[in-house]
Structure formats: structure tokens, C-alpha cells
Amino acid sequence: MFENMQRGSESQPKYSKAAASKDEVEDGMEEEDDEEHGETLCGACGENYAADEFWICCDICEKWFHGKCVKITPARAEHIKQYKCPSCSNKRARP
């Protein structure tokens, strides 16, 4: 079952919304989210994770970025199938 959940999440963009839903708060998910991202640093500015900010994860290098640092809004992230950070976007595929 975990494999199916993991596979399904790979097709979705990875991003962290600032506000947790009511169900997540009741289930203690918000607390787990803080613990999971506690050591996470923005790949652009190097600042620590804060739950009140929008973050997005690069699907290539899997680094996390503040949305504001990479100029991605939560609304725009909803429409991105695969997010590439500026560094990965500038890399060219080798022939």
C-alpha cells in the first residue's frame, strides 16, 4: 500500500501549504509536518522551514524552496505537473 501511495505522490507537485486543513490539525498532522521539516533549509536563501510560509520541492534535486524565493505562488504551484528549481532548469541534458 505504501508503494502505491508513494507512486501516486510522484505525479503530483510537491509543495507545502501554510495552513493545515481542519482534518490534518485534528489528526496531529500539523505537528508531524513541523517535525518533518524542522531541519529543512531553503535551497535559495538558506533560511529554516517555517510552517506559515509556502514552500515547494524540486522534483529533480528534491531540495525545498520558499515560494517567494523562486517566484512560485500557491495558485501557480497547483498547475505545475513537475517543478524544476532554477538550478535544475538551467542544467542541460547530456547527449
C-alpha atoms as a PDB file:
ATOM      1  CA  MET A   1       0.000   0.000   0.000  1.00  0.00           C
ATOM      2  CA  PHE A   2       2.842   2.411   0.802  1.00  0.00           C
ATOM      3  CA  GLU A   3       4.276   1.828  -2.656  1.00  0.00           C
ATOM      4  CA  ASN A   4       1.002   2.872  -4.289  1.00  0.00           C
ATOM      5  CA  MET A   5       0.797   5.995  -2.144  1.00  0.00           C
ATOM      6  CA  GLN A   6       4.388   6.891  -2.984  1.00  0.00           C
ATOM      7  CA  ARG A   7       3.911   6.302  -6.697  1.00  0.00           C
ATOM      8  CA  GLY A   8       0.791   8.451  -6.721  1.00  0.00           C
ATOM      9  CA  SER A   9       2.530  11.320  -4.975  1.00  0.00           C
ATOM     10  CA  GLU A  10       5.342  11.372  -7.535  1.00  0.00           C
ATOM     11  CA  SER A  11       2.946  12.550 -10.240  1.00  0.00           C
ATOM     12  CA  GLN A  12       1.800  15.426  -8.029  1.00  0.00           C
ATOM     13  CA  PRO A  13       3.909  18.535  -7.435  1.00  0.00           C
ATOM     14  CA  LYS A  14       5.470  18.633  -4.003  1.00  0.00           C
ATOM     15  CA  TYR A  15       4.557  21.705  -2.071  1.00  0.00           C
ATOM     16  CA  SER A  16       3.746  22.632   1.478  1.00  0.00           C
ATOM     17  CA  LYS A  17       0.781  24.878   2.165  1.00  0.00           C
ATOM     18  CA  ALA A  18       0.996  27.311   5.068  1.00  0.00           C
ATOM     19  CA  ALA A  19      -2.371  26.427   6.598  1.00  0.00           C
ATOM     20  CA  ALA A  20      -3.261  22.866   7.540  1.00  0.00           C
ATOM     21  CA  SER A  21      -6.805  21.696   6.974  1.00  0.00           C
ATOM     22  CA  LYS A  22      -9.124  21.095   9.918  1.00  0.00           C
ATOM     23  CA  ASP A  23      -8.787  17.314   9.491  1.00  0.00           C
ATOM     24  CA  GLU A  24      -4.987  17.483   9.490  1.00  0.00           C
ATOM     25  CA  VAL A  25      -4.944  19.528  12.691  1.00  0.00           C
ATOM     26  CA  GLU A  26      -7.311  17.077  14.398  1.00  0.00           C
ATOM     27  CA  ASP A  27      -5.169  14.124  13.341  1.00  0.00           C
ATOM     28  CA  GLY A  28      -1.969  15.760  14.605  1.00  0.00           C
ATOM     29  CA  MET A  29      -0.589  16.070  11.089  1.00  0.00           C
ATOM     30  CA  GLU A  30       0.394  19.692  11.590  1.00  0.00           C
ATOM     31  CA  GLU A  31       2.733  18.724  14.420  1.00  0.00           C
ATOM     32  CA  GLU A  32       4.307  15.950  12.337  1.00  0.00           C
ATOM     33  CA  ASP A  33       4.744  18.395   9.456  1.00  0.00           C
ATOM     34  CA  ASP A  34       6.731  20.753  11.692  1.00  0.00           C
ATOM     35  CA  GLU A  35       8.951  17.886  12.865  1.00  0.00           C
ATOM     36  CA  GLU A  36       9.466  16.597   9.331  1.00  0.00           C
ATOM     37  CA  HIS A  37      10.565  19.998   8.029  1.00  0.00           C
ATOM     38  CA  GLY A  38      12.342  21.161  11.191  1.00  0.00           C
ATOM     39  CA  GLU A  39      15.818  20.855   9.681  1.00  0.00           C
ATOM     40  CA  THR A  40      14.798  21.853   6.148  1.00  0.00           C
ATOM     41  CA  LEU A  41      16.636  24.824   4.655  1.00  0.00           C
ATOM     42  CA  CYS A  42      15.598  26.806   1.603  1.00  0.00           C
ATOM     43  CA  GLY A  43      17.792  25.874  -1.364  1.00  0.00           C
ATOM     44  CA  ALA A  44      17.849  29.522  -2.447  1.00  0.00           C
ATOM     45  CA  CYS A  45      18.243  31.640   0.702  1.00  0.00           C
ATOM     46  CA  GLY A  46      19.295  29.040   3.297  1.00  0.00           C
ATOM     47  CA  GLU A  47      16.631  30.012   5.844  1.00  0.00           C
ATOM     48  CA  ASN A  48      14.880  27.401   8.020  1.00  0.00           C
ATOM     49  CA  TYR A  49      11.439  25.965   7.316  1.00  0.00           C
ATOM     50  CA  ALA A  50       8.542  27.924   8.785  1.00  0.00           C
ATOM     51  CA  ALA A  51       5.023  26.483   8.723  1.00  0.00           C
ATOM     52  CA  ASP A  52       3.481  29.870   7.947  1.00  0.00           C
ATOM     53  CA  GLU A  53       5.274  30.172   4.592  1.00  0.00           C
ATOM     54  CA  PHE A  54       4.633  28.493   1.236  1.00  0.00           C
ATOM     55  CA  TRP A  55       7.335  26.030   0.185  1.00  0.00           C
ATOM     56  CA  ILE A  56       7.821  23.978  -2.983  1.00  0.00           C
ATOM     57  CA  CYS A  57      10.081  20.998  -3.644  1.00  0.00           C
ATOM     58  CA  CYS A  58      12.075  20.480  -6.834  1.00  0.00           C
ATOM     59  CA  ASP A  59      11.075  17.174  -8.425  1.00  0.00           C
ATOM     60  CA  ILE A  60      14.603  16.749  -9.817  1.00  0.00           C
ATOM     61  CA  CYS A  61      17.011  17.503  -6.933  1.00  0.00           C
ATOM     62  CA  GLU A  62      14.331  17.267  -4.186  1.00  0.00           C
ATOM     63  CA  LYS A  63      15.505  20.477  -2.489  1.00  0.00           C
ATOM     64  CA  TRP A  64      12.862  22.658  -0.829  1.00  0.00           C
ATOM     65  CA  PHE A  65      12.448  26.352  -1.632  1.00  0.00           C
ATOM     66  CA  HIS A  66      10.390  29.245  -0.293  1.00  0.00           C
ATOM     67  CA  GLY A  67       7.811  30.028  -2.950  1.00  0.00           C
ATOM     68  CA  LYS A  68       8.835  33.688  -2.763  1.00  0.00           C
ATOM     69  CA  CYS A  69      12.500  32.807  -3.410  1.00  0.00           C
ATOM     70  CA  VAL A  70      11.671  31.001  -6.665  1.00  0.00           C
ATOM     71  CA  LYS A  71       8.724  33.243  -7.581  1.00  0.00           C
ATOM     72  CA  ILE A  72       6.074  30.499  -7.339  1.00  0.00           C
ATOM     73  CA  THR A  73       2.714  31.219  -5.726  1.00  0.00           C
ATOM     74  CA  PRO A  74       0.491  28.518  -4.199  1.00  0.00           C
ATOM     75  CA  ALA A  75      -2.020  29.103  -7.016  1.00  0.00           C
ATOM     76  CA  ARG A  76       0.649  28.657  -9.690  1.00  0.00           C
ATOM     77  CA  ALA A  77       2.029  25.530  -7.982  1.00  0.00           C
ATOM     78  CA  GLU A  78      -1.380  23.860  -8.297  1.00  0.00           C
ATOM     79  CA  HIS A  79      -0.927  23.858 -12.091  1.00  0.00           C
ATOM     80  CA  ILE A  80       2.685  22.638 -12.213  1.00  0.00           C
ATOM     81  CA  LYS A  81       2.991  18.935 -13.047  1.00  0.00           C
ATOM     82  CA  GLN A  82       6.731  18.725 -12.372  1.00  0.00           C
ATOM     83  CA  TYR A  83       8.535  21.581 -10.643  1.00  0.00           C
ATOM     84  CA  LYS A  84      12.166  22.240 -11.556  1.00  0.00           C
ATOM     85  CA  CYS A  85      14.100  24.707  -9.417  1.00  0.00           C
ATOM     86  CA  PRO A  86      16.149  27.414 -11.174  1.00  0.00           C
ATOM     87  CA  SER A  87      19.349  25.363 -10.837  1.00  0.00           C
ATOM     88  CA  CYS A  88      17.827  22.221 -12.367  1.00  0.00           C
ATOM     89  CA  SER A  89      16.083  24.272 -15.069  1.00  0.00           C
ATOM     90  CA  ASN A  90      19.459  25.638 -16.174  1.00  0.00           C
ATOM     91  CA  LYS A  91      21.080  22.198 -16.417  1.00  0.00           C
ATOM     92  CA  ARG A  92      21.086  20.712 -19.889  1.00  0.00           C
ATOM     93  CA  ALA A  93      20.632  17.036 -20.601  1.00  0.00           C
ATOM     94  CA  ARG A  94      23.849  15.359 -21.673  1.00  0.00           C
ATOM     95  CA  PRO A  95      23.804  13.812 -25.165  1.00  0.00           C
END
